[in-house]
PDB file of N, CA and C in Angstrom:
ATOM      1  N   MET A   1      -3.877   1.512  15.730  1.00  0.00           N
ATOM      2  CA  MET A   1      -3.044   0.966  14.693  1.00  0.00           C
ATOM      3  C   MET A   1      -3.833   0.965  13.391  1.00  0.00           C
ATOM      4  N   VAL A   2      -3.189   1.403  12.345  1.00  0.00           N
ATOM      5  CA  VAL A   2      -3.820   1.450  11.036  1.00  0.00           C
ATOM      6  C   VAL A   2      -3.045   0.527  10.117  1.00  0.00           C
ATOM      7  N   TYR A   3      -3.748  -0.335   9.438  1.00  0.00           N
ATOM      8  CA  TYR A   3      -3.114  -1.242   8.484  1.00  0.00           C
ATOM      9  C   TYR A   3      -3.441  -0.771   7.070  1.00  0.00           C
ATOM     10  N   VAL A   4      -2.414  -0.591   6.287  1.00  0.00           N
ATOM     11  CA  VAL A   4      -2.593  -0.176   4.903  1.00  0.00           C
ATOM     12  C   VAL A   4      -1.986  -1.255   4.021  1.00  0.00           C
ATOM     13  N   THR A   5      -2.749  -1.736   3.075  1.00  0.00           N
ATOM     14  CA  THR A   5      -2.256  -2.775   2.179  1.00  0.00           C
ATOM     15  C   THR A   5      -1.313  -2.178   1.142  1.00  0.00           C
ATOM     16  N   PRO A   6      -0.410  -2.993   0.610  1.00  0.00           N
ATOM     17  CA  PRO A   6       0.507  -2.492  -0.422  1.00  0.00           C
ATOM     18  C   PRO A   6      -0.220  -1.929  -1.640  1.00  0.00           C
ATOM     19  N   SER A   7      -1.352  -2.504  -1.971  1.00  0.00           N
ATOM     20  CA  SER A   7      -2.084  -1.990  -3.129  1.00  0.00           C
ATOM     21  C   SER A   7      -2.656  -0.602  -2.856  1.00  0.00           C
ATOM     22  N   ASP A   8      -2.945  -0.296  -1.585  1.00  0.00           N
ATOM     23  CA  ASP A   8      -3.415   1.041  -1.240  1.00  0.00           C
ATOM     24  C   ASP A   8      -2.285   2.074  -1.314  1.00  0.00           C
ATOM     25  N   LEU A   9      -1.089   1.670  -0.946  1.00  0.00           N
ATOM     26  CA  LEU A   9       0.053   2.579  -0.968  1.00  0.00           C
ATOM     27  C   LEU A   9       0.572   2.815  -2.382  1.00  0.00           C
ATOM     28  N   GLY A  10       0.606   1.764  -3.172  1.00  0.00           N
ATOM     29  CA  GLY A  10       1.182   1.873  -4.503  1.00  0.00           C
ATOM     30  C   GLY A  10       2.696   1.691  -4.459  1.00  0.00           C
ATOM     31  N   TRP A  11       3.328   2.000  -5.551  1.00  0.00           N
ATOM     32  CA  TRP A  11       4.764   1.740  -5.684  1.00  0.00           C
ATOM     33  C   TRP A  11       5.633   2.937  -5.297  1.00  0.00           C
ATOM     34  N   ARG A  12       5.082   4.126  -5.259  1.00  0.00           N
ATOM     35  CA  ARG A  12       5.885   5.337  -5.058  1.00  0.00           C
ATOM     36  C   ARG A  12       6.589   5.417  -3.695  1.00  0.00           C
ATOM     37  N   PRO A  13       5.966   5.056  -2.576  1.00  0.00           N
ATOM     38  CA  PRO A  13       6.693   5.153  -1.297  1.00  0.00           C
ATOM     39  C   PRO A  13       7.974   4.315  -1.284  1.00  0.00           C
ATOM     40  N   HIS A  14       7.903   3.110  -1.816  1.00  0.00           N
ATOM     41  CA  HIS A  14       9.101   2.273  -1.852  1.00  0.00           C
ATOM     42  C   HIS A  14      10.159   2.897  -2.755  1.00  0.00           C
ATOM     43  N   PHE A  15       9.754   3.365  -3.900  1.00  0.00           N
ATOM     44  CA  PHE A  15      10.701   3.928  -4.856  1.00  0.00           C
ATOM     45  C   PHE A  15      11.403   5.167  -4.299  1.00  0.00           C
ATOM     46  N   TYR A  16      10.641   6.100  -3.749  1.00  0.00           N
ATOM     47  CA  TYR A  16      11.258   7.330  -3.250  1.00  0.00           C
ATOM     48  C   TYR A  16      12.129   7.078  -2.028  1.00  0.00           C
ATOM     49  N   THR A  17      11.788   6.108  -1.209  1.00  0.00           N
ATOM     50  CA  THR A  17      12.655   5.726  -0.091  1.00  0.00           C
ATOM     51  C   THR A  17      13.958   5.148  -0.615  1.00  0.00           C
ATOM     52  N   TRP A  18      13.865   4.314  -1.626  1.00  0.00           N
ATOM     53  CA  TRP A  18      15.049   3.728  -2.255  1.00  0.00           C
ATOM     54  C   TRP A  18      15.947   4.806  -2.842  1.00  0.00           C
ATOM     55  N   VAL A  19      15.373   5.769  -3.539  1.00  0.00           N
ATOM     56  CA  VAL A  19      16.150   6.848  -4.143  1.00  0.00           C
ATOM     57  C   VAL A  19      16.861   7.656  -3.058  1.00  0.00           C
ATOM     58  N   GLN A  20      16.166   7.994  -1.989  1.00  0.00           N
ATOM     59  CA  GLN A  20      16.760   8.817  -0.940  1.00  0.00           C
ATOM     60  C   GLN A  20      17.820   8.077  -0.140  1.00  0.00           C
ATOM     61  N   ASN A  21      17.580   6.803   0.156  1.00  0.00           N
ATOM     62  CA  ASN A  21      18.462   6.088   1.082  1.00  0.00           C
ATOM     63  C   ASN A  21      19.578   5.291   0.421  1.00  0.00           C
ATOM     64  N   TYR A  22      19.357   4.787  -0.771  1.00  0.00           N
ATOM     65  CA  TYR A  22      20.332   3.875  -1.359  1.00  0.00           C
ATOM     66  C   TYR A  22      21.010   4.409  -2.614  1.00  0.00           C
ATOM     67  N   ILE A  23      20.306   5.146  -3.412  1.00  0.00           N
ATOM     68  CA  ILE A  23      20.837   5.573  -4.700  1.00  0.00           C
ATOM     69  C   ILE A  23      21.450   6.961  -4.640  1.00  0.00           C
ATOM     70  N   SER A  24      21.119   7.739  -3.639  1.00  0.00           N
ATOM     71  CA  SER A  24      21.590   9.126  -3.592  1.00  0.00           C
ATOM     72  C   SER A  24      23.117   9.230  -3.570  1.00  0.00           C
ATOM     73  N   GLU A  25      23.812   8.241  -3.044  1.00  0.00           N
ATOM     74  CA  GLU A  25      25.272   8.309  -3.031  1.00  0.00           C
ATOM     75  C   GLU A  25      25.880   7.929  -4.384  1.00  0.00           C
ATOM     76  N   TYR A  26      25.124   7.265  -5.238  1.00  0.00           N
ATOM     77  CA  TYR A  26      25.633   6.843  -6.551  1.00  0.00           C
ATOM     78  C   TYR A  26      25.210   7.778  -7.672  1.00  0.00           C
ATOM     79  N   LEU A  27      24.043   8.397  -7.537  1.00  0.00           N
ATOM     80  CA  LEU A  27      23.545   9.309  -8.558  1.00  0.00           C
ATOM     81  C   LEU A  27      23.267  10.665  -7.925  1.00  0.00           C
ATOM     82  N   GLU A  28      23.822  11.699  -8.504  1.00  0.00           N
ATOM     83  CA  GLU A  28      23.582  13.037  -7.995  1.00  0.00           C
ATOM     84  C   GLU A  28      22.822  13.862  -9.033  1.00  0.00           C
ATOM     85  N   GLY A  29      22.124  14.856  -8.531  1.00  0.00           N
ATOM     86  CA  GLY A  29      21.530  15.895  -9.352  1.00  0.00           C
ATOM     87  C   GLY A  29      20.699  15.433 -10.531  1.00  0.00           C
ATOM     88  N   GLU A  30      21.176  15.796 -11.723  1.00  0.00           N
ATOM     89  CA  GLU A  30      20.422  15.528 -12.949  1.00  0.00           C
ATOM     90  C   GLU A  30      20.218  14.047 -13.206  1.00  0.00           C
ATOM     91  N   LYS A  31      21.189  13.223 -12.869  1.00  0.00           N
ATOM     92  CA  LYS A  31      21.051  11.778 -13.089  1.00  0.00           C
ATOM     93  C   LYS A  31      19.935  11.201 -12.228  1.00  0.00           C
ATOM     94  N   ARG A  32      19.886  11.630 -10.971  1.00  0.00           N
ATOM     95  CA  ARG A  32      18.835  11.154 -10.072  1.00  0.00           C
ATOM     96  C   ARG A  32      17.468  11.657 -10.537  1.00  0.00           C
ATOM     97  N   GLU A  33      17.390  12.913 -10.950  1.00  0.00           N
ATOM     98  CA  GLU A  33      16.136  13.460 -11.460  1.00  0.00           C
ATOM     99  C   GLU A  33      15.683  12.724 -12.717  1.00  0.00           C
ATOM    100  N   PHE A  34      16.631  12.377 -13.572  1.00  0.00           N
ATOM    101  CA  PHE A  34      16.312  11.629 -14.787  1.00  0.00           C
ATOM    102  C   PHE A  34      15.729  10.263 -14.442  1.00  0.00           C
ATOM    103  N   LEU A  35      16.325   9.581 -13.467  1.00  0.00           N
ATOM    104  CA  LEU A  35      15.812   8.277 -13.042  1.00  0.00           C
ATOM    105  C   LEU A  35      14.396   8.406 -12.481  1.00  0.00           C
ATOM    106  N   VAL A  36      14.163   9.418 -11.666  1.00  0.00           N
ATOM    107  CA  VAL A  36      12.831   9.650 -11.107  1.00  0.00           C
ATOM    108  C   VAL A  36      11.830   9.934 -12.232  1.00  0.00           C
ATOM    109  N   ASP A  37      12.223  10.762 -13.187  1.00  0.00           N
ATOM    110  CA  ASP A  37      11.339  11.061 -14.325  1.00  0.00           C
ATOM    111  C   ASP A  37      11.012   9.810 -15.126  1.00  0.00           C
ATOM    112  N   LEU A  38      12.001   8.941 -15.321  1.00  0.00           N
ATOM    113  CA  LEU A  38      11.750   7.689 -16.046  1.00  0.00           C
ATOM    114  C   LEU A  38      10.720   6.831 -15.322  1.00  0.00           C
ATOM    115  N   PHE A  39      10.875   6.699 -14.012  1.00  0.00           N
ATOM    116  CA  PHE A  39       9.922   5.906 -13.239  1.00  0.00           C
ATOM    117  C   PHE A  39       8.534   6.520 -13.296  1.00  0.00           C
ATOM    118  N   GLU A  40       8.453   7.837 -13.089  1.00  0.00           N
ATOM    119  CA  GLU A  40       7.153   8.500 -13.102  1.00  0.00           C
ATOM    120  C   GLU A  40       6.470   8.392 -14.465  1.00  0.00           C
ATOM    121  N   THR A  41       7.252   8.391 -15.520  1.00  0.00           N
ATOM    122  CA  THR A  41       6.693   8.344 -16.869  1.00  0.00           C
ATOM    123  C   THR A  41       6.281   6.939 -17.275  1.00  0.00           C
ATOM    124  N   PHE A  42       7.106   5.947 -16.975  1.00  0.00           N
ATOM    125  CA  PHE A  42       6.913   4.637 -17.581  1.00  0.00           C
ATOM    126  C   PHE A  42       6.384   3.529 -16.680  1.00  0.00           C
ATOM    127  N   VAL A  43       6.523   3.637 -15.378  1.00  0.00           N
ATOM    128  CA  VAL A  43       6.117   2.529 -14.510  1.00  0.00           C
ATOM    129  C   VAL A  43       4.602   2.319 -14.541  1.00  0.00           C
ATOM    130  N   ASP A  44       3.852   3.395 -14.439  1.00  0.00           N
ATOM    131  CA  ASP A  44       2.390   3.237 -14.496  1.00  0.00           C
ATOM    132  C   ASP A  44       1.937   2.682 -15.850  1.00  0.00           C
ATOM    133  N   LEU A  45       2.583   3.130 -16.920  1.00  0.00           N
ATOM    134  CA  LEU A  45       2.264   2.586 -18.254  1.00  0.00           C
ATOM    135  C   LEU A  45       2.577   1.095 -18.324  1.00  0.00           C
ATOM    136  N   ALA A  46       3.693   0.713 -17.735  1.00  0.00           N
ATOM    137  CA  ALA A  46       4.067  -0.706 -17.737  1.00  0.00           C
ATOM    138  C   ALA A  46       3.061  -1.538 -16.956  1.00  0.00           C
ATOM    139  N   PHE A  47       2.584  -1.013 -15.828  1.00  0.00           N
ATOM    140  CA  PHE A  47       1.588  -1.750 -15.049  1.00  0.00           C
ATOM    141  C   PHE A  47       0.272  -1.891 -15.804  1.00  0.00           C
ATOM    142  N   GLU A  48      -0.078  -0.894 -16.581  1.00  0.00           N
ATOM    143  CA  GLU A  48      -1.287  -0.993 -17.414  1.00  0.00           C
ATOM    144  C   GLU A  48      -1.142  -2.126 -18.429  1.00  0.00           C
ATOM    145  N   LYS A  49       0.026  -2.225 -19.038  1.00  0.00           N
ATOM    146  CA  LYS A  49       0.283  -3.302 -20.005  1.00  0.00           C
ATOM    147  C   LYS A  49       0.303  -4.661 -19.314  1.00  0.00           C
ATOM    148  N   MET A  50       0.828  -4.694 -18.093  1.00  0.00           N
ATOM    149  CA  MET A  50       0.955  -5.959 -17.373  1.00  0.00           C
ATOM    150  C   MET A  50      -0.387  -6.488 -16.879  1.00  0.00           C
ATOM    151  N   LYS A  51      -1.383  -5.623 -16.747  1.00  0.00           N
ATOM    152  CA  LYS A  51      -2.696  -6.081 -16.292  1.00  0.00           C
ATOM    153  C   LYS A  51      -3.271  -7.150 -17.212  1.00  0.00           C
ATOM    154  N   LYS A  52      -2.939  -7.086 -18.478  1.00  0.00           N
ATOM    155  CA  LYS A  52      -3.412  -8.075 -19.435  1.00  0.00           C
ATOM    156  C   LYS A  52      -2.792  -9.448 -19.173  1.00  0.00           C
ATOM    157  N   LEU A  53      -1.630  -9.455 -18.529  1.00  0.00           N
ATOM    158  CA  LEU A  53      -0.914 -10.711 -18.278  1.00  0.00           C
ATOM    159  C   LEU A  53      -1.151 -11.270 -16.879  1.00  0.00           C
ATOM    160  N   ARG A  54      -1.918 -10.591 -16.060  1.00  0.00           N
ATOM    161  CA  ARG A  54      -2.124 -11.026 -14.673  1.00  0.00           C
ATOM    162  C   ARG A  54      -2.669 -12.448 -14.565  1.00  0.00           C
ATOM    163  N   ASP A  55      -3.520 -12.844 -15.468  1.00  0.00           N
ATOM    164  CA  ASP A  55      -4.089 -14.188 -15.378  1.00  0.00           C
ATOM    165  C   ASP A  55      -3.070 -15.270 -15.714  1.00  0.00           C
ATOM    166  N   ARG A  56      -1.955 -14.908 -16.310  1.00  0.00           N
ATOM    167  CA  ARG A  56      -0.909 -15.874 -16.660  1.00  0.00           C
ATOM    168  C   ARG A  56       0.163 -16.005 -15.585  1.00  0.00           C
ATOM    169  N   GLU A  57       0.140 -15.138 -14.585  1.00  0.00           N
ATOM    170  CA  GLU A  57       1.145 -15.207 -13.530  1.00  0.00           C
ATOM    171  C   GLU A  57       0.977 -16.476 -12.710  1.00  0.00           C
ATOM    172  N   VAL A  58       2.069 -17.156 -12.474  1.00  0.00           N
ATOM    173  CA  VAL A  58       2.035 -18.354 -11.651  1.00  0.00           C
ATOM    174  C   VAL A  58       1.809 -17.972 -10.197  1.00  0.00           C
ATOM    175  N   MET A  59       2.490 -16.917  -9.777  1.00  0.00           N
ATOM    176  CA  MET A  59       2.357 -16.425  -8.413  1.00  0.00           C
ATOM    177  C   MET A  59       2.020 -14.938  -8.496  1.00  0.00           C
ATOM    178  N   ALA A  60       0.957 -14.540  -7.885  1.00  0.00           N
ATOM    179  CA  ALA A  60       0.504 -13.156  -7.981  1.00  0.00           C
ATOM    180  C   ALA A  60       1.501 -12.187  -7.345  1.00  0.00           C
ATOM    181  N   THR A  61       1.710 -11.046  -7.997  1.00  0.00           N
ATOM    182  CA  THR A  61       2.570 -10.000  -7.465  1.00  0.00           C
ATOM    183  C   THR A  61       1.789  -8.699  -7.426  1.00  0.00           C
ATOM    184  N   ASN A  62       2.314  -7.757  -6.643  1.00  0.00           N
ATOM    185  CA  ASN A  62       1.694  -6.437  -6.630  1.00  0.00           C
ATOM    186  C   ASN A  62       2.702  -5.415  -7.156  1.00  0.00           C
ATOM    187  N   GLU A  63       2.255  -4.187  -7.301  1.00  0.00           N
ATOM    188  CA  GLU A  63       3.092  -3.155  -7.904  1.00  0.00           C
ATOM    189  C   GLU A  63       4.360  -2.894  -7.098  1.00  0.00           C
ATOM    190  N   SER A  64       4.249  -2.866  -5.783  1.00  0.00           N
ATOM    191  CA  SER A  64       5.433  -2.567  -4.969  1.00  0.00           C
ATOM    192  C   SER A  64       6.483  -3.672  -5.089  1.00  0.00           C
ATOM    193  N   GLN A  65       6.064  -4.911  -5.215  1.00  0.00           N
ATOM    194  CA  GLN A  65       7.021  -6.006  -5.416  1.00  0.00           C
ATOM    195  C   GLN A  65       7.733  -5.865  -6.752  1.00  0.00           C
ATOM    196  N   ASN A  66       7.000  -5.505  -7.780  1.00  0.00           N
ATOM    197  CA  ASN A  66       7.611  -5.340  -9.094  1.00  0.00           C
ATOM    198  C   ASN A  66       8.588  -4.167  -9.110  1.00  0.00           C
ATOM    199  N   VAL A  67       8.230  -3.070  -8.462  1.00  0.00           N
ATOM    200  CA  VAL A  67       9.121  -1.912  -8.412  1.00  0.00           C
ATOM    201  C   VAL A  67      10.353  -2.228  -7.564  1.00  0.00           C
ATOM    202  N   GLU A  68      10.181  -2.986  -6.494  1.00  0.00           N
ATOM    203  CA  GLU A  68      11.336  -3.382  -5.683  1.00  0.00           C
ATOM    204  C   GLU A  68      12.310  -4.211  -6.511  1.00  0.00           C
ATOM    205  N   CYS A  69      11.795  -5.114  -7.296  1.00  0.00           N
ATOM    206  CA  CYS A  69      12.646  -5.931  -8.170  1.00  0.00           C
ATOM    207  C   CYS A  69      13.366  -5.049  -9.194  1.00  0.00           C
ATOM    208  N   LEU A  70      12.651  -4.110  -9.782  1.00  0.00           N
ATOM    209  CA  LEU A  70      13.246  -3.187 -10.750  1.00  0.00           C
ATOM    210  C   LEU A  70      14.322  -2.328 -10.088  1.00  0.00           C
ATOM    211  N   CYS A  71      14.065  -1.857  -8.888  1.00  0.00           N
ATOM    212  CA  CYS A  71      15.053  -1.052  -8.160  1.00  0.00           C
ATOM    213  C   CYS A  71      16.315  -1.857  -7.862  1.00  0.00           C
ATOM    214  N   ASN A  72      16.153  -3.092  -7.444  1.00  0.00           N
ATOM    215  CA  ASN A  72      17.311  -3.955  -7.186  1.00  0.00           C
ATOM    216  C   ASN A  72      18.122  -4.188  -8.451  1.00  0.00           C
ATOM    217  N   PHE A  73      17.434  -4.384  -9.553  1.00  0.00           N
ATOM    218  CA  PHE A  73      18.073  -4.595 -10.845  1.00  0.00           C
ATOM    219  C   PHE A  73      18.884  -3.362 -11.237  1.00  0.00           C
ATOM    220  N   ILE A  74      18.276  -2.201 -11.147  1.00  0.00           N
ATOM    221  CA  ILE A  74      18.960  -0.953 -11.506  1.00  0.00           C
ATOM    222  C   ILE A  74      20.126  -0.682 -10.558  1.00  0.00           C
ATOM    223  N   GLU A  75      19.910  -0.908  -9.279  1.00  0.00           N
ATOM    224  CA  GLU A  75      20.963  -0.668  -8.281  1.00  0.00           C
ATOM    225  C   GLU A  75      22.187  -1.531  -8.566  1.00  0.00           C
ATOM    226  N   HIS A  76      21.975  -2.761  -8.951  1.00  0.00           N
ATOM    227  CA  HIS A  76      23.087  -3.646  -9.285  1.00  0.00           C
ATOM    228  C   HIS A  76      23.930  -3.056 -10.403  1.00  0.00           C
ATOM    229  N   PHE A  77      23.297  -2.593 -11.464  1.00  0.00           N
ATOM    230  CA  PHE A  77      24.045  -2.067 -12.600  1.00  0.00           C
ATOM    231  C   PHE A  77      24.699  -0.727 -12.294  1.00  0.00           C
ATOM    232  N   ILE A  78      24.064   0.091 -11.473  1.00  0.00           N
ATOM    233  CA  ILE A  78      24.672   1.373 -11.101  1.00  0.00           C
ATOM    234  C   ILE A  78      25.914   1.123 -10.256  1.00  0.00           C
ATOM    235  N   LYS A  79      25.803   0.246  -9.282  1.00  0.00           N
ATOM    236  CA  LYS A  79      26.951  -0.051  -8.422  1.00  0.00           C
ATOM    237  C   LYS A  79      28.049  -0.751  -9.210  1.00  0.00           C
ATOM    238  N   ASP A  80      27.676  -1.684 -10.076  1.00  0.00           N
ATOM    239  CA  ASP A  80      28.654  -2.422 -10.868  1.00  0.00           C
ATOM    240  C   ASP A  80      29.422  -1.496 -11.801  1.00  0.00           C
ATOM    241  N   SER A  81      28.739  -0.573 -12.451  1.00  0.00           N
ATOM    242  CA  SER A  81      29.423   0.347 -13.360  1.00  0.00           C
ATOM    243  C   SER A  81      30.351   1.273 -12.590  1.00  0.00           C
ATOM    244  N   ARG A  82      29.962   1.655 -11.388  1.00  0.00           N
ATOM    245  CA  ARG A  82      30.821   2.521 -10.582  1.00  0.00           C
ATOM    246  C   ARG A  82      32.070   1.774 -10.134  1.00  0.00           C
ATOM    247  N   ILE A  83      31.922   0.518  -9.768  1.00  0.00           N
ATOM    248  CA  ILE A  83      33.076  -0.298  -9.371  1.00  0.00           C
ATOM    249  C   ILE A  83      34.025  -0.461 -10.544  1.00  0.00           C
ATOM    250  N   GLN A  84      33.483  -0.719 -11.733  1.00  0.00           N
ATOM    251  CA  GLN A  84      34.327  -0.875 -12.910  1.00  0.00           C
ATOM    252  C   GLN A  84      35.063   0.419 -13.233  1.00  0.00           C
ATOM    253  N   GLN A  85      34.414   1.564 -13.060  1.00  0.00           N
ATOM    254  CA  GLN A  85      35.076   2.845 -13.310  1.00  0.00           C
ATOM    255  C   GLN A  85      36.215   3.063 -12.322  1.00  0.00           C
ATOM    256  N   GLU A  86      36.006   2.697 -11.062  1.00  0.00           N
ATOM    257  CA  GLU A  86      37.046   2.856 -10.053  1.00  0.00           C
ATOM    258  C   GLU A  86      38.219   1.916 -10.339  1.00  0.00           C
ATOM    259  N   GLU A  87      37.946   0.720 -10.822  1.00  0.00           N
ATOM    260  CA  GLU A  87      39.019  -0.217 -11.159  1.00  0.00           C
ATOM    261  C   GLU A  87      39.839   0.304 -12.334  1.00  0.00           C
ATOM    262  N   LYS A  88      39.179   0.928 -13.311  1.00  0.00           N
ATOM    263  CA  LYS A  88      39.917   1.499 -14.448  1.00  0.00           C
ATOM    264  C   LYS A  88      40.812   2.636 -13.989  1.00  0.00           C
ATOM    265  N   LYS A  89      40.365   3.440 -13.026  1.00  0.00           N
ATOM    266  CA  LYS A  89      41.202   4.530 -12.507  1.00  0.00           C
ATOM    267  C   LYS A  89      42.436   3.968 -11.840  1.00  0.00           C
ATOM    268  N   ASP A  90      42.308   2.849 -11.133  1.00  0.00           N
ATOM    269  CA  ASP A  90      43.457   2.247 -10.444  1.00  0.00           C
ATOM    270  C   ASP A  90      44.474   1.706 -11.438  1.00  0.00           C
ATOM    271  N   VAL A  91      44.014   1.227 -12.585  1.00  0.00           N
ATOM    272  CA  VAL A  91      44.927   0.651 -13.588  1.00  0.00           C
ATOM    273  C   VAL A  91      45.751   1.746 -14.233  1.00  0.00           C
ATOM    274  N   TRP A  92      45.154   2.880 -14.518  1.00  0.00           N
ATOM    275  CA  TRP A  92      45.876   3.961 -15.197  1.00  0.00           C
ATOM    276  C   TRP A  92      46.690   4.680 -14.179  1.00  0.00           C
TER     277      TRP A  92
END
């Protein structure tokens, strides 16, 4: 048995699993690639900025927890916008 800590894995395994399993039905093709590009471009930069604030955290978090929270946040808005679009189609 091998134990790997979340800090050793980083945030990418959680993110790519989320994209493949949960978001693929809501975002296709270019939209999904755009989301992946945004994460690859900005998440590491955001973590660099957040390192300065680590001493102010009340409860310590790691990168995978922060990315999971971000994924949940994005998923909510993607699903919500899709539901609203479907409701508008039913009205017309």
